[in-house]
Amino acid sequence: MISNLLDPVIIFFVLGILSGVLKNDLKLPEAIYDALSIYLLLAIGYKGGLELSKTSLNNIYFPVAATICLGILIPLIAFVILSRAGKFKKPDSAAIAAHYGSVSAVTFAVAIDFLHNSGVIYDEYMTVLLVMLEIPAIAVGITLAKFHSREGSDVDINSLVKEILFGKSIYLLLGGLIAGYFAGMFHNESINKLFLDLFKGFLAFFLLEMGIIASKRFRDFKRVGPFLISFGIVMPLISSILGIFAGLISGLSLGGTFILACMAASSSYIAAPTAMRIAVPEANPTLYITASLGITFPFNIIIGLPVYYYLTDLIFKIFKG
């Protein structure tokens, strides 16, 4: 955990949080923030495509199936906890559950960086699993919301499907994946320096801004209440364990299982909020954005990753010797 806290990208994230708490005027221009978002999604996809070009597609069937099951199971568990134990309204429970079933691409990127720093290898096709986890989780959240929403029947299904399948996150990840796959297949490495060598520097800049944004959600803690704050920490731990067992059963390596655990533990703050605003307009955005961005994201980046690695290593030793 100390090693993780001393990583430059984590230090940049903490600097951003402190800047927001101190209320100074540090802020990246919006255009730069948007450009960094596009770059990171493309780079994650591109790196995954390069690695995917080196492996047989036959190897990914079981991990993909296990990941889709995770994308269905996690929001269902989250919905039950929120609606029954937390006594949240059904639309709010569904919207929050969709966020916790979905994925944070930045958490995924930091998890990969964590493994690089630790010298641990991982399976080449993890970006494919990132996309496979994103789509069913949002779909389950929408389905839950429609069953309990007065306005659910008025949702424009075409717009919703378009947003889920062709929204910015999925579109850029898939685009980068395809570009990286063909670059690897034909050994066309002309842009590798941009997407590989410079990745960590751009990630550090992005996390600086994310720290500032996350700190602004701290003021909403009183509005979301102690139960949701606790949920934002406990639910990722539950999801990470589910992710570890999914990786173990599907044959992923230690590194790949760790990344799957981190994906399962993460919470979306890009794709899911957009989809929920369309599908569940009566859900309170303060609840799901504060939980995802103000609680779970900082917890995962600063504390969660080393905890998930410890749990992955422990469970692997127990079951694989």
C-alpha atoms as a PDB file:
ATOM      1  CA  MET A   1       0.000   0.000   0.000  1.00  0.00           C
ATOM      2  CA  ILE A   2       2.880   2.373   0.770  1.00  0.00           C
ATOM      3  CA  SER A   3       4.404   1.600  -2.623  1.00  0.00           C
ATOM      4  CA  ASN A   4       1.078   2.374  -4.281  1.00  0.00           C
ATOM      5  CA  LEU A   5       0.765   5.683  -2.426  1.00  0.00           C
ATOM      6  CA  LEU A   6       4.251   6.701  -3.579  1.00  0.00           C
ATOM      7  CA  ASP A   7       3.513   6.003  -7.235  1.00  0.00           C
ATOM      8  CA  PRO A   8       3.652   9.307  -9.184  1.00  0.00           C
ATOM      9  CA  VAL A   9       0.158   8.906 -10.686  1.00  0.00           C
ATOM     10  CA  ILE A  10      -1.339   8.369  -7.209  1.00  0.00           C
ATOM     11  CA  ILE A  11       0.554  11.392  -5.880  1.00  0.00           C
ATOM     12  CA  PHE A  12      -0.958  13.464  -8.698  1.00  0.00           C
ATOM     13  CA  PHE A  13      -4.419  12.209  -7.719  1.00  0.00           C
ATOM     14  CA  VAL A  14      -3.861  13.127  -4.058  1.00  0.00           C
ATOM     15  CA  LEU A  15      -2.572  16.550  -5.125  1.00  0.00           C
ATOM     16  CA  GLY A  16      -5.826  17.064  -7.003  1.00  0.00           C
ATOM     17  CA  ILE A  17      -7.883  16.097  -3.935  1.00  0.00           C
ATOM     18  CA  LEU A  18      -5.882  18.459  -1.716  1.00  0.00           C
ATOM     19  CA  SER A  19      -6.295  21.240  -4.262  1.00  0.00           C
ATOM     20  CA  GLY A  20     -10.066  20.804  -4.173  1.00  0.00           C
ATOM     21  CA  VAL A  21     -10.125  20.675  -0.373  1.00  0.00           C
ATOM     22  CA  LEU A  22      -7.976  23.818  -0.123  1.00  0.00           C
ATOM     23  CA  LYS A  23     -10.203  25.497  -2.745  1.00  0.00           C
ATOM     24  CA  ASN A  24      -7.388  26.989  -4.774  1.00  0.00           C
ATOM     25  CA  ASP A  25      -7.930  27.789  -8.440  1.00  0.00           C
ATOM     26  CA  LEU A  26      -6.076  24.764  -9.878  1.00  0.00           C
ATOM     27  CA  LYS A  27      -8.058  23.232 -12.734  1.00  0.00           C
ATOM     28  CA  LEU A  28      -7.272  21.793 -16.137  1.00  0.00           C
ATOM     29  CA  PRO A  29      -9.017  23.573 -19.020  1.00  0.00           C
ATOM     30  CA  GLU A  30     -12.110  21.641 -20.063  1.00  0.00           C
ATOM     31  CA  ALA A  31     -10.765  21.086 -23.585  1.00  0.00           C
ATOM     32  CA  ILE A  32      -7.611  19.461 -22.185  1.00  0.00           C
ATOM     33  CA  TYR A  33      -9.657  17.291 -19.819  1.00  0.00           C
ATOM     34  CA  ASP A  34     -11.814  16.107 -22.738  1.00  0.00           C
ATOM     35  CA  ALA A  35      -8.719  15.444 -24.861  1.00  0.00           C
ATOM     36  CA  LEU A  36      -7.134  13.414 -22.070  1.00  0.00           C
ATOM     37  CA  SER A  37     -10.341  11.388 -21.673  1.00  0.00           C
ATOM     38  CA  ILE A  38     -10.324  10.552 -25.384  1.00  0.00           C
ATOM     39  CA  TYR A  39      -6.611   9.723 -25.326  1.00  0.00           C
ATOM     40  CA  LEU A  40      -6.852   7.390 -22.327  1.00  0.00           C
ATOM     41  CA  LEU A  41      -9.798   5.428 -23.739  1.00  0.00           C
ATOM     42  CA  LEU A  42      -8.067   5.070 -27.114  1.00  0.00           C
ATOM     43  CA  ALA A  43      -4.769   4.130 -25.471  1.00  0.00           C
ATOM     44  CA  ILE A  44      -6.377   1.480 -23.249  1.00  0.00           C
ATOM     45  CA  GLY A  45      -8.073  -0.026 -26.283  1.00  0.00           C
ATOM     46  CA  TYR A  46      -4.935   0.230 -28.420  1.00  0.00           C
ATOM     47  CA  LYS A  47      -2.730  -1.493 -25.832  1.00  0.00           C
ATOM     48  CA  GLY A  48      -5.325  -4.229 -25.436  1.00  0.00           C
ATOM     49  CA  GLY A  49      -5.506  -4.683 -29.216  1.00  0.00           C
ATOM     50  CA  LEU A  50      -1.731  -5.046 -29.491  1.00  0.00           C
ATOM     51  CA  GLU A  51      -1.743  -7.776 -26.884  1.00  0.00           C
ATOM     52  CA  LEU A  52      -4.860  -9.424 -28.316  1.00  0.00           C
ATOM     53  CA  SER A  53      -3.094  -9.817 -31.668  1.00  0.00           C
ATOM     54  CA  LYS A  54      -0.595 -12.107 -29.961  1.00  0.00           C
ATOM     55  CA  THR A  55      -3.096 -14.580 -28.526  1.00  0.00           C
ATOM     56  CA  SER A  56      -5.616 -17.103 -29.794  1.00  0.00           C
ATOM     57  CA  LEU A  57      -9.245 -16.007 -29.601  1.00  0.00           C
ATOM     58  CA  ASN A  58     -10.101 -19.507 -28.347  1.00  0.00           C
ATOM     59  CA  ASN A  59      -8.554 -18.527 -25.020  1.00  0.00           C
ATOM     60  CA  ILE A  60     -11.088 -15.813 -24.258  1.00  0.00           C
ATOM     61  CA  TYR A  61     -14.402 -17.693 -24.347  1.00  0.00           C
ATOM     62  CA  PHE A  62     -14.515 -18.698 -20.676  1.00  0.00           C
ATOM     63  CA  PRO A  63     -13.204 -15.350 -19.336  1.00  0.00           C
ATOM     64  CA  VAL A  64     -15.754 -13.474 -21.474  1.00  0.00           C
ATOM     65  CA  ALA A  65     -18.599 -15.679 -20.198  1.00  0.00           C
ATOM     66  CA  ALA A  66     -17.458 -15.222 -16.582  1.00  0.00           C
ATOM     67  CA  THR A  67     -17.207 -11.451 -17.077  1.00  0.00           C
ATOM     68  CA  ILE A  68     -20.726 -11.194 -18.510  1.00  0.00           C
ATOM     69  CA  CYS A  69     -22.013 -13.153 -15.512  1.00  0.00           C
ATOM     70  CA  LEU A  70     -20.253 -10.654 -13.246  1.00  0.00           C
ATOM     71  CA  GLY A  71     -21.875  -7.781 -15.126  1.00  0.00           C
ATOM     72  CA  ILE A  72     -25.281  -9.297 -14.379  1.00  0.00           C
ATOM     73  CA  LEU A  73     -24.674 -10.474 -10.816  1.00  0.00           C
ATOM     74  CA  ILE A  74     -23.009  -7.393  -9.306  1.00  0.00           C
ATOM     75  CA  PRO A  75     -25.802  -4.876 -10.050  1.00  0.00           C
ATOM     76  CA  LEU A  76     -28.401  -7.387  -8.835  1.00  0.00           C
ATOM     77  CA  ILE A  77     -26.582  -7.759  -5.502  1.00  0.00           C
ATOM     78  CA  ALA A  78     -26.093  -3.994  -5.240  1.00  0.00           C
ATOM     79  CA  PHE A  79     -29.789  -3.384  -5.959  1.00  0.00           C
ATOM     80  CA  VAL A  80     -30.920  -5.781  -3.209  1.00  0.00           C
ATOM     81  CA  ILE A  81     -28.551  -4.214  -0.666  1.00  0.00           C
ATOM     82  CA  LEU A  82     -29.571  -0.656  -1.529  1.00  0.00           C
ATOM     83  CA  SER A  83     -33.327  -1.220  -1.743  1.00  0.00           C
ATOM     84  CA  ARG A  84     -33.718  -3.546   1.242  1.00  0.00           C
ATOM     85  CA  ALA A  85     -30.930  -2.757   3.693  1.00  0.00           C
ATOM     86  CA  GLY A  86     -30.503   0.870   2.651  1.00  0.00           C
ATOM     87  CA  LYS A  87     -34.226   1.546   2.101  1.00  0.00           C
ATOM     88  CA  PHE A  88     -33.472   3.607  -1.000  1.00  0.00           C
ATOM     89  CA  LYS A  89     -36.184   4.202  -3.553  1.00  0.00           C
ATOM     90  CA  LYS A  90     -36.240   1.606  -6.308  1.00  0.00           C
ATOM     91  CA  PRO A  91     -35.204   4.003  -9.134  1.00  0.00           C
ATOM     92  CA  ASP A  92     -32.286   5.302  -7.033  1.00  0.00           C
ATOM     93  CA  SER A  93     -31.267   1.754  -6.117  1.00  0.00           C
ATOM     94  CA  ALA A  94     -31.348   0.693  -9.770  1.00  0.00           C
ATOM     95  CA  ALA A  95     -29.323   3.703 -10.930  1.00  0.00           C
ATOM     96  CA  ILE A  96     -26.656   3.271  -8.244  1.00  0.00           C
ATOM     97  CA  ALA A  97     -26.514  -0.495  -8.891  1.00  0.00           C
ATOM     98  CA  ALA A  98     -25.866   0.120 -12.593  1.00  0.00           C
ATOM     99  CA  HIS A  99     -22.877   2.306 -11.697  1.00  0.00           C
ATOM    100  CA  TYR A 100     -21.395  -0.390  -9.473  1.00  0.00           C
ATOM    101  CA  GLY A 101     -21.863  -3.105 -12.065  1.00  0.00           C
ATOM    102  CA  SER A 102     -20.281  -0.923 -14.723  1.00  0.00           C
ATOM    103  CA  VAL A 103     -16.577  -0.100 -15.010  1.00  0.00           C
ATOM    104  CA  SER A 104     -14.198   2.799 -14.451  1.00  0.00           C
ATOM    105  CA  ALA A 105     -11.714   2.792 -17.341  1.00  0.00           C
ATOM    106  CA  VAL A 106      -9.328   4.953 -15.295  1.00  0.00           C
ATOM    107  CA  THR A 107      -9.316   2.438 -12.433  1.00  0.00           C
ATOM    108  CA  PHE A 108      -8.555  -0.203 -15.076  1.00  0.00           C
ATOM    109  CA  ALA A 109      -5.626   1.893 -16.342  1.00  0.00           C
ATOM    110  CA  VAL A 110      -4.235   2.431 -12.837  1.00  0.00           C
ATOM    111  CA  ALA A 111      -4.547  -1.316 -12.123  1.00  0.00           C
ATOM    112  CA  ILE A 112      -2.459  -2.082 -15.221  1.00  0.00           C
ATOM    113  CA  ASP A 113       0.115   0.491 -14.113  1.00  0.00           C
ATOM    114  CA  PHE A 114       0.129  -1.145 -10.665  1.00  0.00           C
ATOM    115  CA  LEU A 115       1.020  -4.505 -12.254  1.00  0.00           C
ATOM    116  CA  HIS A 116       3.729  -2.944 -14.427  1.00  0.00           C
ATOM    117  CA  ASN A 117       5.327  -1.420 -11.342  1.00  0.00           C
ATOM    118  CA  SER A 118       5.112  -4.800  -9.581  1.00  0.00           C
ATOM    119  CA  GLY A 119       6.520  -6.731 -12.549  1.00  0.00           C
ATOM    120  CA  VAL A 120       3.434  -8.954 -12.768  1.00  0.00           C
ATOM    121  CA  ILE A 121       2.226 -10.113 -16.193  1.00  0.00           C
ATOM    122  CA  TYR A 122      -1.454 -10.313 -17.112  1.00  0.00           C
ATOM    123  CA  ASP A 123      -3.626 -11.797 -19.849  1.00  0.00           C
ATOM    124  CA  GLU A 124      -3.559  -9.985 -23.176  1.00  0.00           C
ATOM    125  CA  TYR A 125      -7.292  -9.578 -23.682  1.00  0.00           C
ATOM    126  CA  MET A 126      -8.329  -7.692 -20.546  1.00  0.00           C
ATOM    127  CA  THR A 127      -9.597  -4.708 -22.562  1.00  0.00           C
ATOM    128  CA  VAL A 128     -12.100  -7.056 -24.232  1.00  0.00           C
ATOM    129  CA  LEU A 129     -13.336  -8.002 -20.768  1.00  0.00           C
ATOM    130  CA  LEU A 130     -13.586  -4.318 -19.866  1.00  0.00           C
ATOM    131  CA  VAL A 131     -16.116  -3.816 -22.671  1.00  0.00           C
ATOM    132  CA  MET A 132     -17.910  -7.066 -21.836  1.00  0.00           C
ATOM    133  CA  LEU A 133     -18.415  -5.950 -18.233  1.00  0.00           C
ATOM    134  CA  GLU A 134     -19.656  -2.466 -19.125  1.00  0.00           C
ATOM    135  CA  ILE A 135     -22.625  -3.356 -21.341  1.00  0.00           C
ATOM    136  CA  PRO A 136     -24.588  -5.984 -19.305  1.00  0.00           C
ATOM    137  CA  ALA A 137     -24.231  -4.027 -16.066  1.00  0.00           C
ATOM    138  CA  ILE A 138     -25.889  -0.940 -17.536  1.00  0.00           C
ATOM    139  CA  ALA A 139     -28.545  -3.105 -19.218  1.00  0.00           C
ATOM    140  CA  VAL A 140     -29.399  -4.804 -15.900  1.00  0.00           C
ATOM    141  CA  GLY A 141     -29.608  -1.442 -14.133  1.00  0.00           C
ATOM    142  CA  ILE A 142     -31.969  -0.138 -16.798  1.00  0.00           C
ATOM    143  CA  THR A 143     -34.114  -3.288 -16.617  1.00  0.00           C
ATOM    144  CA  LEU A 144     -34.401  -2.990 -12.832  1.00  0.00           C
ATOM    145  CA  ALA A 145     -35.296   0.669 -13.144  1.00  0.00           C
ATOM    146  CA  LYS A 146     -37.970   0.060 -15.780  1.00  0.00           C
ATOM    147  CA  PHE A 147     -39.728  -2.444 -13.508  1.00  0.00           C
ATOM    148  CA  HIS A 148     -39.940   0.133 -10.729  1.00  0.00           C
ATOM    149  CA  SER A 149     -40.135   3.396 -12.634  1.00  0.00           C
ATOM    150  CA  ARG A 150     -43.251   5.323 -13.564  1.00  0.00           C
ATOM    151  CA  GLU A 151     -41.346   7.003 -16.368  1.00  0.00           C
ATOM    152  CA  GLY A 152     -39.595   3.844 -17.559  1.00  0.00           C
ATOM    153  CA  SER A 153     -42.210   3.126 -20.224  1.00  0.00           C
ATOM    154  CA  ASP A 154     -41.525   6.527 -21.803  1.00  0.00           C
ATOM    155  CA  VAL A 155     -37.831   5.869 -22.393  1.00  0.00           C
ATOM    156  CA  ASP A 156     -36.639   6.174 -25.988  1.00  0.00           C
ATOM    157  CA  ILE A 157     -35.217   2.669 -26.411  1.00  0.00           C
ATOM    158  CA  ASN A 158     -33.381   3.517 -29.642  1.00  0.00           C
ATOM    159  CA  SER A 159     -31.549   6.414 -28.009  1.00  0.00           C
ATOM    160  CA  LEU A 160     -30.747   4.270 -24.999  1.00  0.00           C
ATOM    161  CA  VAL A 161     -29.346   1.349 -27.015  1.00  0.00           C
ATOM    162  CA  LYS A 162     -27.317   3.801 -29.085  1.00  0.00           C
ATOM    163  CA  GLU A 163     -25.910   5.382 -25.923  1.00  0.00           C
ATOM    164  CA  ILE A 164     -24.976   2.024 -24.388  1.00  0.00           C
ATOM    165  CA  LEU A 165     -23.428   0.447 -27.481  1.00  0.00           C
ATOM    166  CA  PHE A 166     -22.037   3.520 -29.207  1.00  0.00           C
ATOM    167  CA  GLY A 167     -21.476   5.994 -26.395  1.00  0.00           C
ATOM    168  CA  LYS A 168     -18.066   7.631 -26.136  1.00  0.00           C
ATOM    169  CA  SER A 169     -16.488   5.104 -23.779  1.00  0.00           C
ATOM    170  CA  ILE A 170     -17.401   1.919 -25.662  1.00  0.00           C
ATOM    171  CA  TYR A 171     -16.833   3.533 -29.068  1.00  0.00           C
ATOM    172  CA  LEU A 172     -13.314   4.734 -28.261  1.00  0.00           C
ATOM    173  CA  LEU A 173     -12.325   1.536 -26.445  1.00  0.00           C
ATOM    174  CA  LEU A 174     -13.468  -0.619 -29.367  1.00  0.00           C
ATOM    175  CA  GLY A 175     -11.885   1.745 -31.895  1.00  0.00           C
ATOM    176  CA  GLY A 176      -8.568   1.635 -30.091  1.00  0.00           C
ATOM    177  CA  LEU A 177      -8.837  -2.144 -29.711  1.00  0.00           C
ATOM    178  CA  ILE A 178      -9.339  -2.631 -33.459  1.00  0.00           C
ATOM    179  CA  ALA A 179      -6.507  -0.222 -34.339  1.00  0.00           C
ATOM    180  CA  GLY A 180      -4.136  -1.933 -31.897  1.00  0.00           C
ATOM    181  CA  TYR A 181      -5.100  -5.393 -33.106  1.00  0.00           C
ATOM    182  CA  PHE A 182      -4.249  -4.619 -36.720  1.00  0.00           C
ATOM    183  CA  ALA A 183      -1.135  -2.690 -35.711  1.00  0.00           C
ATOM    184  CA  GLY A 184       0.056  -5.812 -33.913  1.00  0.00           C
ATOM    185  CA  MET A 185      -0.967  -8.157 -36.721  1.00  0.00           C
ATOM    186  CA  PHE A 186       0.936  -6.219 -39.383  1.00  0.00           C
ATOM    187  CA  HIS A 187       3.747  -4.952 -37.124  1.00  0.00           C
ATOM    188  CA  ASN A 188       2.837  -1.341 -37.845  1.00  0.00           C
ATOM    189  CA  GLU A 189       4.206   0.249 -34.675  1.00  0.00           C
ATOM    190  CA  SER A 190       4.447   3.858 -35.869  1.00  0.00           C
ATOM    191  CA  ILE A 191       2.227   5.258 -33.094  1.00  0.00           C
ATOM    192  CA  ASN A 192       3.311   2.969 -30.267  1.00  0.00           C
ATOM    193  CA  LYS A 193       5.328   5.720 -28.609  1.00  0.00           C
ATOM    194  CA  LEU A 194       2.242   7.919 -28.364  1.00  0.00           C
ATOM    195  CA  PHE A 195      -0.026   5.274 -26.859  1.00  0.00           C
ATOM    196  CA  LEU A 196       2.522   3.266 -24.857  1.00  0.00           C
ATOM    197  CA  ASP A 197       5.485   5.397 -23.816  1.00  0.00           C
ATOM    198  CA  LEU A 198       3.513   8.545 -22.973  1.00  0.00           C
ATOM    199  CA  PHE A 199       0.562   6.764 -21.367  1.00  0.00           C
ATOM    200  CA  LYS A 200       1.609   7.116 -17.742  1.00  0.00           C
ATOM    201  CA  GLY A 201       2.354  10.831 -18.057  1.00  0.00           C
ATOM    202  CA  PHE A 202      -1.060  11.559 -19.550  1.00  0.00           C
ATOM    203  CA  LEU A 203      -2.678   9.339 -16.919  1.00  0.00           C
ATOM    204  CA  ALA A 204      -1.003  11.409 -14.180  1.00  0.00           C
ATOM    205  CA  PHE A 205      -2.400  14.639 -15.651  1.00  0.00           C
ATOM    206  CA  PHE A 206      -5.862  13.106 -15.890  1.00  0.00           C
ATOM    207  CA  LEU A 207      -5.769  11.856 -12.299  1.00  0.00           C
ATOM    208  CA  LEU A 208      -4.782  15.335 -11.124  1.00  0.00           C
ATOM    209  CA  GLU A 209      -8.043  16.654 -12.565  1.00  0.00           C
ATOM    210  CA  MET A 210      -9.978  13.620 -11.315  1.00  0.00           C
ATOM    211  CA  GLY A 211      -8.749  14.348  -7.798  1.00  0.00           C
ATOM    212  CA  ILE A 212     -10.076  17.910  -8.069  1.00  0.00           C
ATOM    213  CA  ILE A 213     -13.432  16.665  -9.382  1.00  0.00           C
ATOM    214  CA  ALA A 214     -13.705  13.934  -6.730  1.00  0.00           C
ATOM    215  CA  SER A 215     -12.995  16.409  -3.931  1.00  0.00           C
ATOM    216  CA  LYS A 216     -15.976  18.507  -5.032  1.00  0.00           C
ATOM    217  CA  ARG A 217     -18.274  15.564  -4.290  1.00  0.00           C
ATOM    218  CA  PHE A 218     -17.112  15.466  -0.647  1.00  0.00           C
ATOM    219  CA  ARG A 219     -19.508  18.285   0.189  1.00  0.00           C
ATOM    220  CA  ASP A 220     -22.393  15.975  -0.716  1.00  0.00           C
ATOM    221  CA  PHE A 221     -21.519  13.384   1.949  1.00  0.00           C
ATOM    222  CA  LYS A 222     -24.163  14.748   4.322  1.00  0.00           C
ATOM    223  CA  ARG A 223     -26.763  14.525   1.570  1.00  0.00           C
ATOM    224  CA  VAL A 224     -26.051  10.883   0.667  1.00  0.00           C
ATOM    225  CA  GLY A 225     -25.921   9.670   4.282  1.00  0.00           C
ATOM    226  CA  PRO A 226     -23.726   7.220   6.189  1.00  0.00           C
ATOM    227  CA  PHE A 227     -25.260   4.105   4.609  1.00  0.00           C
ATOM    228  CA  LEU A 228     -24.281   5.089   1.068  1.00  0.00           C
ATOM    229  CA  ILE A 229     -20.818   6.120   2.228  1.00  0.00           C
ATOM    230  CA  SER A 230     -20.381   2.661   3.775  1.00  0.00           C
ATOM    231  CA  PHE A 231     -21.834   1.038   0.666  1.00  0.00           C
ATOM    232  CA  GLY A 232     -19.300   2.876  -1.500  1.00  0.00           C
ATOM    233  CA  ILE A 233     -16.494   1.140   0.381  1.00  0.00           C
ATOM    234  CA  VAL A 234     -17.980  -2.269   1.219  1.00  0.00           C
ATOM    235  CA  MET A 235     -19.577  -3.002  -2.164  1.00  0.00           C
ATOM    236  CA  PRO A 236     -16.247  -2.780  -4.047  1.00  0.00           C
ATOM    237  CA  LEU A 237     -14.763  -5.301  -1.610  1.00  0.00           C
ATOM    238  CA  ILE A 238     -17.652  -7.701  -2.233  1.00  0.00           C
ATOM    239  CA  SER A 239     -17.406  -7.198  -5.993  1.00  0.00           C
ATOM    240  CA  SER A 240     -13.633  -7.679  -6.003  1.00  0.00           C
ATOM    241  CA  ILE A 241     -13.991 -11.084  -4.348  1.00  0.00           C
ATOM    242  CA  LEU A 242     -16.589 -12.084  -6.941  1.00  0.00           C
ATOM    243  CA  GLY A 243     -14.175 -10.910  -9.629  1.00  0.00           C
ATOM    244  CA  ILE A 244     -11.336 -12.944  -8.141  1.00  0.00           C
ATOM    245  CA  PHE A 245     -13.367 -16.144  -8.170  1.00  0.00           C
ATOM    246  CA  ALA A 246     -14.610 -15.409 -11.700  1.00  0.00           C
ATOM    247  CA  GLY A 247     -11.015 -15.024 -12.841  1.00  0.00           C
ATOM    248  CA  LEU A 248      -9.895 -18.124 -10.978  1.00  0.00           C
ATOM    249  CA  ILE A 249     -12.683 -20.303 -12.410  1.00  0.00           C
ATOM    250  CA  SER A 250     -12.262 -18.996 -15.966  1.00  0.00           C
ATOM    251  CA  GLY A 251      -8.527 -19.671 -16.056  1.00  0.00           C
ATOM    252  CA  LEU A 252      -7.098 -16.158 -15.907  1.00  0.00           C
ATOM    253  CA  SER A 253      -3.579 -15.621 -14.629  1.00  0.00           C
ATOM    254  CA  LEU A 254      -2.875 -13.968 -11.275  1.00  0.00           C
ATOM    255  CA  GLY A 255      -2.401 -10.606 -12.992  1.00  0.00           C
ATOM    256  CA  GLY A 256      -5.493 -11.005 -15.157  1.00  0.00           C
ATOM    257  CA  THR A 257      -7.587 -12.022 -12.158  1.00  0.00           C
ATOM    258  CA  PHE A 258      -6.377  -8.985 -10.240  1.00  0.00           C
ATOM    259  CA  ILE A 259      -7.415  -6.692 -13.104  1.00  0.00           C
ATOM    260  CA  LEU A 260     -10.819  -8.390 -13.336  1.00  0.00           C
ATOM    261  CA  ALA A 261     -11.225  -7.910  -9.573  1.00  0.00           C
ATOM    262  CA  CYS A 262     -10.376  -4.215  -9.945  1.00  0.00           C
ATOM    263  CA  MET A 263     -12.869  -3.853 -12.809  1.00  0.00           C
ATOM    264  CA  ALA A 264     -15.554  -5.582 -10.759  1.00  0.00           C
ATOM    265  CA  ALA A 265     -14.787  -3.335  -7.778  1.00  0.00           C
ATOM    266  CA  SER A 266     -14.801  -0.121  -9.804  1.00  0.00           C
ATOM    267  CA  SER A 267     -17.781   2.118 -10.428  1.00  0.00           C
ATOM    268  CA  SER A 268     -18.552   3.991 -13.631  1.00  0.00           C
ATOM    269  CA  TYR A 269     -18.715   7.780 -13.734  1.00  0.00           C
ATOM    270  CA  ILE A 270     -18.822   8.299 -17.541  1.00  0.00           C
ATOM    271  CA  ALA A 271     -21.014   5.748 -19.335  1.00  0.00           C
ATOM    272  CA  ALA A 272     -23.411   4.849 -16.515  1.00  0.00           C
ATOM    273  CA  PRO A 273     -24.435   8.413 -15.520  1.00  0.00           C
ATOM    274  CA  THR A 274     -25.323   9.242 -19.124  1.00  0.00           C
ATOM    275  CA  ALA A 275     -27.376   6.064 -19.540  1.00  0.00           C
ATOM    276  CA  MET A 276     -29.141   6.557 -16.204  1.00  0.00           C
ATOM    277  CA  ARG A 277     -30.091  10.133 -17.018  1.00  0.00           C
ATOM    278  CA  ILE A 278     -31.835   8.796 -20.123  1.00  0.00           C
ATOM    279  CA  ALA A 279     -33.360   5.647 -18.618  1.00  0.00           C
ATOM    280  CA  VAL A 280     -34.096   6.722 -15.023  1.00  0.00           C
ATOM    281  CA  PRO A 281     -34.644  10.498 -15.052  1.00  0.00           C
ATOM    282  CA  GLU A 282     -36.343  10.425 -11.653  1.00  0.00           C
ATOM    283  CA  ALA A 283     -33.258   8.934  -9.932  1.00  0.00           C
ATOM    284  CA  ASN A 284     -31.225  11.415  -7.894  1.00  0.00           C
ATOM    285  CA  PRO A 285     -27.857  12.100  -9.626  1.00  0.00           C
ATOM    286  CA  THR A 286     -26.352  13.330  -6.348  1.00  0.00           C
ATOM    287  CA  LEU A 287     -26.617   9.819  -4.942  1.00  0.00           C
ATOM    288  CA  TYR A 288     -25.054   7.841  -7.760  1.00  0.00           C
ATOM    289  CA  ILE A 289     -22.403  10.380  -8.797  1.00  0.00           C
ATOM    290  CA  THR A 290     -21.259  11.087  -5.237  1.00  0.00           C
ATOM    291  CA  ALA A 291     -21.100   7.378  -4.399  1.00  0.00           C
ATOM    292  CA  SER A 292     -19.192   6.519  -7.567  1.00  0.00           C
ATOM    293  CA  LEU A 293     -16.867   9.500  -7.928  1.00  0.00           C
ATOM    294  CA  GLY A 294     -16.647  10.872  -4.400  1.00  0.00           C
ATOM    295  CA  ILE A 295     -16.373   7.620  -2.437  1.00  0.00           C
ATOM    296  CA  THR A 296     -15.535   4.524  -4.478  1.00  0.00           C
ATOM    297  CA  PHE A 297     -13.126   6.022  -6.999  1.00  0.00           C
ATOM    298  CA  PRO A 298     -10.768   7.590  -4.407  1.00  0.00           C
ATOM    299  CA  PHE A 299     -11.022   4.481  -2.223  1.00  0.00           C
ATOM    300  CA  ASN A 300     -10.043   2.203  -5.115  1.00  0.00           C
ATOM    301  CA  ILE A 301      -7.189   4.366  -6.374  1.00  0.00           C
ATOM    302  CA  ILE A 302      -5.559   5.030  -3.001  1.00  0.00           C
ATOM    303  CA  ILE A 303      -6.397   1.959  -0.891  1.00  0.00           C
ATOM    304  CA  GLY A 304      -8.367  -0.601  -2.901  1.00  0.00           C
ATOM    305  CA  LEU A 305      -5.799  -1.719  -5.480  1.00  0.00           C
ATOM    306  CA  PRO A 306      -3.215  -3.106  -3.027  1.00  0.00           C
ATOM    307  CA  VAL A 307      -6.046  -4.704  -1.016  1.00  0.00           C
ATOM    308  CA  TYR A 308      -7.415  -6.426  -4.138  1.00  0.00           C
ATOM    309  CA  TYR A 309      -3.948  -7.633  -5.075  1.00  0.00           C
ATOM    310  CA  TYR A 310      -3.453  -9.059  -1.599  1.00  0.00           C
ATOM    311  CA  LEU A 311      -6.827 -10.832  -1.769  1.00  0.00           C
ATOM    312  CA  THR A 312      -6.104 -12.170  -5.276  1.00  0.00           C
ATOM    313  CA  ASP A 313      -2.707 -13.499  -4.226  1.00  0.00           C
ATOM    314  CA  LEU A 314      -4.153 -15.031  -1.050  1.00  0.00           C
ATOM    315  CA  ILE A 315      -7.036 -16.779  -2.840  1.00  0.00           C
ATOM    316  CA  PHE A 316      -4.698 -18.039  -5.580  1.00  0.00           C
ATOM    317  CA  LYS A 317      -2.384 -19.539  -2.952  1.00  0.00           C
ATOM    318  CA  ILE A 318      -5.308 -21.223  -1.187  1.00  0.00           C
ATOM    319  CA  PHE A 319      -6.830 -22.744  -4.314  1.00  0.00           C
ATOM    320  CA  LYS A 320      -3.775 -23.255  -6.510  1.00  0.00           C
ATOM    321  CA  GLY A 321      -1.133 -23.880  -3.927  1.00  0.00           C
END
